[in-house]
């Protein structure tokens, strides 16, 4: 289970930018990992575009953003290129990372319960520990909320 103040679960996932990405690649950096259900769906597109638009501010603060879903690398590449996304999209086909981060579980849609990706975000500090967890994200304004928390974190470190 994901706990604020504890080490973030390690992962190694294939990236749409080529190769594999490990969380440990970003030691000493602030990392935002956001989990989303599917490429090219309305809510996921709005969310991805919001992070894309926030990237100049986040990058200036030295923050890495990673988007994760079960979609294939091919799907991620199309999604990235179509919306000019400026951060890596990672593929977690077996869902192990999703589970480790509490982003896989029961979802209710139109009164029916099913298993799926729970839209959520995790802020990881330079020490590799979870600083903040948004377990159920509402798309609108979320990237702005993340930016506010990142600014607080960076100011504390400086």
C-alpha atoms as a PDB file:
ATOM      1  CA  UNK A   1       0.000   0.000   0.000  1.00  0.00           C
ATOM      2  CA  UNK A   2       1.186   3.500  -0.836  1.00  0.00           C
ATOM      3  CA  UNK A   3       1.942   5.595   2.251  1.00  0.00           C
ATOM      4  CA  UNK A   4       2.950   9.253   2.469  1.00  0.00           C
ATOM      5  CA  UNK A   5       6.399   9.463   4.057  1.00  0.00           C
ATOM      6  CA  UNK A   6       7.456   5.981   2.904  1.00  0.00           C
ATOM      7  CA  UNK A   7       9.708   5.075  -0.019  1.00  0.00           C
ATOM      8  CA  UNK A   8       7.860   5.090  -3.356  1.00  0.00           C
ATOM      9  CA  UNK A   9       7.672   1.619  -4.935  1.00  0.00           C
ATOM     10  CA  UNK A  10      10.471   1.020  -7.433  1.00  0.00           C
ATOM     11  CA  UNK A  11       9.549   0.359 -11.054  1.00  0.00           C
ATOM     12  CA  UNK A  12      11.064  -0.207 -14.475  1.00  0.00           C
ATOM     13  CA  UNK A  13       8.665   0.370 -17.377  1.00  0.00           C
ATOM     14  CA  UNK A  14       8.928   0.714 -21.151  1.00  0.00           C
ATOM     15  CA  UNK A  15       8.742   4.319 -22.356  1.00  0.00           C
ATOM     16  CA  UNK A  16       7.181   5.770 -25.494  1.00  0.00           C
ATOM     17  CA  UNK A  17      10.416   7.780 -25.745  1.00  0.00           C
ATOM     18  CA  UNK A  18      12.356   4.519 -26.191  1.00  0.00           C
ATOM     19  CA  UNK A  19      13.996   2.130 -23.788  1.00  0.00           C
ATOM     20  CA  UNK A  20      13.066   1.579 -20.177  1.00  0.00           C
ATOM     21  CA  UNK A  21      12.538   4.112 -17.424  1.00  0.00           C
ATOM     22  CA  UNK A  22      13.341   3.308 -13.799  1.00  0.00           C
ATOM     23  CA  UNK A  23      12.167   5.428 -10.907  1.00  0.00           C
ATOM     24  CA  UNK A  24      15.761   5.244  -9.643  1.00  0.00           C
ATOM     25  CA  UNK A  25      16.860   7.101 -12.824  1.00  0.00           C
ATOM     26  CA  UNK A  26      15.463  10.214 -11.148  1.00  0.00           C
ATOM     27  CA  UNK A  27      17.202   9.978  -7.766  1.00  0.00           C
ATOM     28  CA  UNK A  28      17.575  13.486  -6.291  1.00  0.00           C
ATOM     29  CA  UNK A  29      14.723  14.833  -8.449  1.00  0.00           C
ATOM     30  CA  UNK A  30      11.109  15.563  -7.628  1.00  0.00           C
ATOM     31  CA  UNK A  31       8.918  13.193  -9.646  1.00  0.00           C
ATOM     32  CA  UNK A  32       5.215  13.369 -10.473  1.00  0.00           C
ATOM     33  CA  UNK A  33       3.784  10.011 -11.555  1.00  0.00           C
ATOM     34  CA  UNK A  34       0.231  10.129 -12.800  1.00  0.00           C
ATOM     35  CA  UNK A  35      -1.859   7.094 -13.623  1.00  0.00           C
ATOM     36  CA  UNK A  36      -4.606   7.310 -16.225  1.00  0.00           C
ATOM     37  CA  UNK A  37      -7.044   4.826 -17.777  1.00  0.00           C
ATOM     38  CA  UNK A  38      -6.498   5.097 -21.546  1.00  0.00           C
ATOM     39  CA  UNK A  39      -4.799   7.013 -24.319  1.00  0.00           C
ATOM     40  CA  UNK A  40      -7.020   9.125 -26.582  1.00  0.00           C
ATOM     41  CA  UNK A  41     -10.060   9.224 -24.307  1.00  0.00           C
ATOM     42  CA  UNK A  42     -11.619  12.598 -23.422  1.00  0.00           C
ATOM     43  CA  UNK A  43     -10.692  12.812 -19.729  1.00  0.00           C
ATOM     44  CA  UNK A  44      -7.220  11.370 -20.236  1.00  0.00           C
ATOM     45  CA  UNK A  45      -6.542  13.782 -23.080  1.00  0.00           C
ATOM     46  CA  UNK A  46      -7.590  16.796 -20.978  1.00  0.00           C
ATOM     47  CA  UNK A  47      -5.369  15.553 -18.151  1.00  0.00           C
ATOM     48  CA  UNK A  48      -2.363  14.934 -20.424  1.00  0.00           C
ATOM     49  CA  UNK A  49      -2.738  18.345 -22.078  1.00  0.00           C
ATOM     50  CA  UNK A  50      -2.896  20.022 -18.654  1.00  0.00           C
ATOM     51  CA  UNK A  51       0.387  18.374 -17.613  1.00  0.00           C
ATOM     52  CA  UNK A  52       1.866  19.275 -21.022  1.00  0.00           C
ATOM     53  CA  UNK A  53       0.902  22.902 -20.497  1.00  0.00           C
ATOM     54  CA  UNK A  54       2.301  22.891 -16.937  1.00  0.00           C
ATOM     55  CA  UNK A  55       5.628  21.356 -18.037  1.00  0.00           C
ATOM     56  CA  UNK A  56       7.500  24.640 -18.561  1.00  0.00           C
ATOM     57  CA  UNK A  57       6.811  25.604 -14.925  1.00  0.00           C
ATOM     58  CA  UNK A  58       7.445  22.077 -13.640  1.00  0.00           C
ATOM     59  CA  UNK A  59      10.675  21.709 -15.644  1.00  0.00           C
ATOM     60  CA  UNK A  60      11.899  25.070 -14.346  1.00  0.00           C
ATOM     61  CA  UNK A  61      11.482  23.629 -10.845  1.00  0.00           C
ATOM     62  CA  UNK A  62      13.468  20.534 -11.887  1.00  0.00           C
ATOM     63  CA  UNK A  63      10.454  18.220 -11.769  1.00  0.00           C
ATOM     64  CA  UNK A  64      10.038  15.067 -13.853  1.00  0.00           C
ATOM     65  CA  UNK A  65       6.513  14.062 -14.978  1.00  0.00           C
ATOM     66  CA  UNK A  66       5.685  10.472 -15.960  1.00  0.00           C
ATOM     67  CA  UNK A  67       2.308   9.283 -17.273  1.00  0.00           C
ATOM     68  CA  UNK A  68       1.459   5.599 -16.768  1.00  0.00           C
ATOM     69  CA  UNK A  69      -1.280   3.378 -18.171  1.00  0.00           C
ATOM     70  CA  UNK A  70      -1.657  -0.189 -19.460  1.00  0.00           C
ATOM     71  CA  UNK A  71      -1.701   1.018 -23.073  1.00  0.00           C
ATOM     72  CA  UNK A  72       0.940  -0.267 -25.494  1.00  0.00           C
ATOM     73  CA  UNK A  73       4.009   1.735 -26.475  1.00  0.00           C
ATOM     74  CA  UNK A  74       2.526   2.056 -29.982  1.00  0.00           C
ATOM     75  CA  UNK A  75      -0.642   3.603 -28.529  1.00  0.00           C
ATOM     76  CA  UNK A  76       1.429   5.892 -26.271  1.00  0.00           C
ATOM     77  CA  UNK A  77       3.488   7.105 -29.248  1.00  0.00           C
ATOM     78  CA  UNK A  78       0.362   8.004 -31.213  1.00  0.00           C
ATOM     79  CA  UNK A  79      -1.154   9.760 -28.173  1.00  0.00           C
ATOM     80  CA  UNK A  80       2.089  11.645 -27.452  1.00  0.00           C
ATOM     81  CA  UNK A  81       2.513  12.754 -31.052  1.00  0.00           C
ATOM     82  CA  UNK A  82      -1.136  13.724 -31.595  1.00  0.00           C
ATOM     83  CA  UNK A  83      -1.204  15.994 -28.527  1.00  0.00           C
ATOM     84  CA  UNK A  84       2.480  17.043 -28.551  1.00  0.00           C
ATOM     85  CA  UNK A  85       3.060  15.670 -25.060  1.00  0.00           C
ATOM     86  CA  UNK A  86       6.415  16.710 -23.615  1.00  0.00           C
ATOM     87  CA  UNK A  87       6.948  14.050 -20.940  1.00  0.00           C
ATOM     88  CA  UNK A  88       7.392  10.259 -21.051  1.00  0.00           C
ATOM     89  CA  UNK A  89       4.394   7.928 -21.227  1.00  0.00           C
ATOM     90  CA  UNK A  90       5.136   4.565 -19.651  1.00  0.00           C
ATOM     91  CA  UNK A  91       3.458   1.239 -20.352  1.00  0.00           C
ATOM     92  CA  UNK A  92       2.500  -1.082 -17.481  1.00  0.00           C
ATOM     93  CA  UNK A  93       0.781  -3.953 -19.342  1.00  0.00           C
ATOM     94  CA  UNK A  94       0.795  -6.371 -16.401  1.00  0.00           C
ATOM     95  CA  UNK A  95      -0.414  -3.708 -13.957  1.00  0.00           C
ATOM     96  CA  UNK A  96       2.197  -4.452 -11.268  1.00  0.00           C
ATOM     97  CA  UNK A  97       3.211  -0.786 -10.911  1.00  0.00           C
ATOM     98  CA  UNK A  98      -0.434   0.307 -10.978  1.00  0.00           C
ATOM     99  CA  UNK A  99      -1.147  -2.091  -8.108  1.00  0.00           C
ATOM    100  CA  UNK A 100       1.918  -0.990  -6.127  1.00  0.00           C
ATOM    101  CA  UNK A 101       0.738   2.619  -6.351  1.00  0.00           C
ATOM    102  CA  UNK A 102      -2.884   1.901  -5.506  1.00  0.00           C
ATOM    103  CA  UNK A 103      -3.965   2.850  -9.027  1.00  0.00           C
ATOM    104  CA  UNK A 104      -5.695  -0.447  -9.814  1.00  0.00           C
ATOM    105  CA  UNK A 105      -8.941  -1.516  -8.202  1.00  0.00           C
ATOM    106  CA  UNK A 106     -12.707  -1.330  -8.134  1.00  0.00           C
ATOM    107  CA  UNK A 107     -14.351   1.421 -10.134  1.00  0.00           C
ATOM    108  CA  UNK A 108     -18.048   2.170 -10.339  1.00  0.00           C
ATOM    109  CA  UNK A 109     -19.497   3.400 -13.625  1.00  0.00           C
ATOM    110  CA  UNK A 110     -23.244   3.697 -14.192  1.00  0.00           C
ATOM    111  CA  UNK A 111     -23.863   1.614 -11.073  1.00  0.00           C
ATOM    112  CA  UNK A 112     -21.658  -1.271 -12.226  1.00  0.00           C
ATOM    113  CA  UNK A 113     -18.449  -2.198 -10.421  1.00  0.00           C
ATOM    114  CA  UNK A 114     -15.443  -3.333 -12.426  1.00  0.00           C
ATOM    115  CA  UNK A 115     -11.676  -3.510 -12.010  1.00  0.00           C
ATOM    116  CA  UNK A 116      -9.675  -0.821 -13.727  1.00  0.00           C
ATOM    117  CA  UNK A 117      -7.152   1.963 -13.510  1.00  0.00           C
ATOM    118  CA  UNK A 118      -7.983   4.528 -10.858  1.00  0.00           C
ATOM    119  CA  UNK A 119      -6.976   7.981 -12.042  1.00  0.00           C
ATOM    120  CA  UNK A 120      -4.452   9.069  -9.427  1.00  0.00           C
ATOM    121  CA  UNK A 121      -1.222  10.987  -8.975  1.00  0.00           C
ATOM    122  CA  UNK A 122       1.788  10.599  -6.703  1.00  0.00           C
ATOM    123  CA  UNK A 123       4.332  13.293  -5.834  1.00  0.00           C
ATOM    124  CA  UNK A 124       7.738  11.827  -4.919  1.00  0.00           C
ATOM    125  CA  UNK A 125      10.399  13.900  -3.198  1.00  0.00           C
ATOM    126  CA  UNK A 126      14.125  14.047  -3.902  1.00  0.00           C
ATOM    127  CA  UNK A 127      14.623  11.407  -1.192  1.00  0.00           C
ATOM    128  CA  UNK A 128      12.430   8.930  -3.097  1.00  0.00           C
ATOM    129  CA  UNK A 129       9.629   9.134  -0.544  1.00  0.00           C
ATOM    130  CA  UNK A 130       5.953   9.762  -1.259  1.00  0.00           C
ATOM    131  CA  UNK A 131       5.173  13.402  -0.432  1.00  0.00           C
ATOM    132  CA  UNK A 132       1.547  13.494  -1.566  1.00  0.00           C
ATOM    133  CA  UNK A 133      -0.946  11.051  -3.041  1.00  0.00           C
ATOM    134  CA  UNK A 134      -4.081  12.077  -4.899  1.00  0.00           C
ATOM    135  CA  UNK A 135      -6.004   8.757  -4.858  1.00  0.00           C
ATOM    136  CA  UNK A 136      -8.984   9.786  -6.993  1.00  0.00           C
ATOM    137  CA  UNK A 137      -8.308  12.632  -9.359  1.00  0.00           C
ATOM    138  CA  UNK A 138     -10.811  14.954 -10.953  1.00  0.00           C
ATOM    139  CA  UNK A 139      -9.235  16.039 -14.239  1.00  0.00           C
ATOM    140  CA  UNK A 140     -10.080  19.742 -14.327  1.00  0.00           C
ATOM    141  CA  UNK A 141      -7.566  21.819 -12.387  1.00  0.00           C
ATOM    142  CA  UNK A 142      -5.576  18.811 -11.201  1.00  0.00           C
ATOM    143  CA  UNK A 143      -2.285  19.744 -12.900  1.00  0.00           C
ATOM    144  CA  UNK A 144      -2.576  23.175 -11.257  1.00  0.00           C
ATOM    145  CA  UNK A 145      -3.072  21.518  -7.843  1.00  0.00           C
ATOM    146  CA  UNK A 146       0.023  19.403  -8.456  1.00  0.00           C
ATOM    147  CA  UNK A 147       2.037  22.495  -9.429  1.00  0.00           C
ATOM    148  CA  UNK A 148       1.008  24.229  -6.176  1.00  0.00           C
ATOM    149  CA  UNK A 149       2.202  21.220  -4.130  1.00  0.00           C
ATOM    150  CA  UNK A 150       5.441  20.983  -6.128  1.00  0.00           C
ATOM    151  CA  UNK A 151       6.172  24.662  -5.479  1.00  0.00           C
ATOM    152  CA  UNK A 152       5.629  24.145  -1.736  1.00  0.00           C
ATOM    153  CA  UNK A 153       7.952  21.134  -1.766  1.00  0.00           C
ATOM    154  CA  UNK A 154      10.697  22.888  -3.737  1.00  0.00           C
ATOM    155  CA  UNK A 155      10.520  25.946  -1.471  1.00  0.00           C
ATOM    156  CA  UNK A 156      10.953  23.695   1.598  1.00  0.00           C
ATOM    157  CA  UNK A 157      14.060  22.131   0.067  1.00  0.00           C
ATOM    158  CA  UNK A 158      15.709  25.450  -0.867  1.00  0.00           C
END
